[in-house]
């Protein structure tokens, strides 16, 4: 018969230095999940650190300012491929562009 109780999973303890290292990697890559994966840290723990660190004077990153800017020639090439494949994601991939930044290709 199976026991109805489970032993609590052991929790990893992070040092202040590891937490600072996480925020350094996060500043570089801009993604909590990427930073956590790169360092081998628990993703949910890292999301909690970010959430708890949002003090009133700390302003979230402006995504629009970080958005990549494309030249008119790149946009034209994108739309030629898009007309053929009918998918923004597929067109971005074919051109070696990050599909997440394809919104910057609009007119």
Protein backbone atom coordinates (compact mmCIF):
# COMPACT_ATOMS: atom_id res chain seq x y z
CA UNK A 1 0.00 0.00 0.00
CA UNK A 2 1.27 3.47 -0.90
CA UNK A 3 1.81 6.05 1.77
CA UNK A 4 -0.37 9.14 1.50
CA UNK A 5 2.40 11.38 2.75
CA UNK A 6 5.46 12.46 0.84
CA UNK A 7 8.72 13.55 2.26
CA UNK A 8 9.44 17.17 1.48
CA UNK A 9 11.88 17.54 -1.37
CA UNK A 10 15.19 18.94 -0.26
CA UNK A 11 15.45 22.58 -1.14
CA UNK A 12 18.55 24.06 -2.66
CA UNK A 13 19.97 27.01 -0.76
CA UNK A 14 21.39 29.84 -2.86
CA UNK A 15 24.06 32.19 -1.56
CA UNK A 16 23.81 35.97 -1.95
CA UNK A 17 26.65 35.68 -4.47
CA UNK A 18 24.67 33.20 -6.58
CA UNK A 19 21.64 35.50 -6.50
CA UNK A 20 23.82 38.43 -7.61
CA UNK A 21 25.28 36.23 -10.36
CA UNK A 22 21.75 35.43 -11.54
CA UNK A 23 20.84 39.14 -11.80
CA UNK A 24 24.07 39.79 -13.68
CA UNK A 25 23.23 37.07 -16.24
CA UNK A 26 19.63 38.30 -16.38
CA UNK A 27 20.83 41.83 -17.22
CA UNK A 28 22.94 40.38 -20.03
CA UNK A 29 20.41 38.02 -21.60
CA UNK A 30 17.10 39.63 -20.58
CA UNK A 31 15.29 36.33 -19.93
CA UNK A 32 14.66 34.77 -16.52
CA UNK A 33 14.34 31.28 -17.99
CA UNK A 34 17.55 31.65 -20.03
CA UNK A 35 19.50 33.00 -17.06
CA UNK A 36 18.20 30.24 -14.78
CA UNK A 37 19.04 27.54 -17.34
CA UNK A 38 22.51 28.96 -17.97
CA UNK A 39 23.30 28.84 -14.26
CA UNK A 40 21.44 25.62 -13.48
CA UNK A 41 19.14 27.42 -11.01
CA UNK A 42 15.50 26.60 -10.33
CA UNK A 43 13.45 28.71 -12.74
CA UNK A 44 10.61 29.39 -10.29
CA UNK A 45 13.05 30.53 -7.60
CA UNK A 46 14.54 32.98 -10.09
CA UNK A 47 11.10 34.31 -11.06
CA UNK A 48 10.39 34.88 -7.35
CA UNK A 49 13.65 36.80 -6.95
CA UNK A 50 12.71 39.04 -9.86
CA UNK A 51 9.19 39.57 -8.52
CA UNK A 52 10.45 40.41 -5.02
CA UNK A 53 13.13 42.76 -6.37
CA UNK A 54 10.64 45.05 -8.10
CA UNK A 55 10.88 47.96 -5.71
CA UNK A 56 8.88 51.13 -6.47
CA UNK A 57 11.98 52.89 -7.77
CA UNK A 58 12.89 49.98 -10.04
CA UNK A 59 11.27 50.41 -13.43
CA UNK A 60 10.67 47.35 -15.63
CA UNK A 61 12.63 47.18 -18.85
CA UNK A 62 10.97 48.98 -21.76
CA UNK A 63 10.44 46.20 -24.28
CA UNK A 64 9.76 48.60 -27.15
CA UNK A 65 13.10 50.35 -26.61
CA UNK A 66 14.84 46.95 -26.68
CA UNK A 67 13.10 45.87 -29.85
CA UNK A 68 15.43 45.38 -32.78
CA UNK A 69 15.18 47.87 -35.62
CA UNK A 70 15.23 46.52 -39.18
CA UNK A 71 16.33 48.33 -42.32
CA UNK A 72 13.86 48.90 -45.18
CA UNK A 73 15.77 46.30 -47.23
CA UNK A 74 15.43 43.69 -44.47
CA UNK A 75 11.71 44.44 -44.18
CA UNK A 76 11.23 44.10 -47.93
CA UNK A 77 13.08 40.76 -47.97
CA UNK A 78 10.99 39.56 -45.01
CA UNK A 79 7.72 40.38 -46.78
CA UNK A 80 8.83 38.60 -49.98
CA UNK A 81 9.45 35.44 -47.95
CA UNK A 82 6.26 35.97 -45.93
CA UNK A 83 4.16 36.19 -49.12
CA UNK A 84 5.56 32.81 -50.14
CA UNK A 85 5.32 30.92 -46.80
CA UNK A 86 2.32 32.76 -45.23
CA UNK A 87 3.83 32.58 -41.73
CA UNK A 88 5.71 35.31 -39.90
CA UNK A 89 7.49 32.76 -37.72
CA UNK A 90 8.59 30.64 -40.69
CA UNK A 91 9.69 33.70 -42.68
CA UNK A 92 11.76 34.95 -39.74
CA UNK A 93 13.38 31.55 -39.32
CA UNK A 94 14.20 31.24 -43.04
CA UNK A 95 15.96 34.60 -42.91
CA UNK A 96 17.82 33.76 -39.71
CA UNK A 97 15.90 36.36 -37.70
CA UNK A 98 14.68 35.88 -34.17
CA UNK A 99 10.97 35.02 -34.52
CA UNK A 100 10.28 36.91 -31.28
CA UNK A 101 11.42 40.18 -32.85
CA UNK A 102 9.41 39.82 -36.05
CA UNK A 103 6.96 42.43 -34.73
CA UNK A 104 9.63 45.01 -35.49
CA UNK A 105 9.26 44.19 -39.15
CA UNK A 106 5.86 45.85 -39.48
CA UNK A 107 5.35 48.74 -41.93
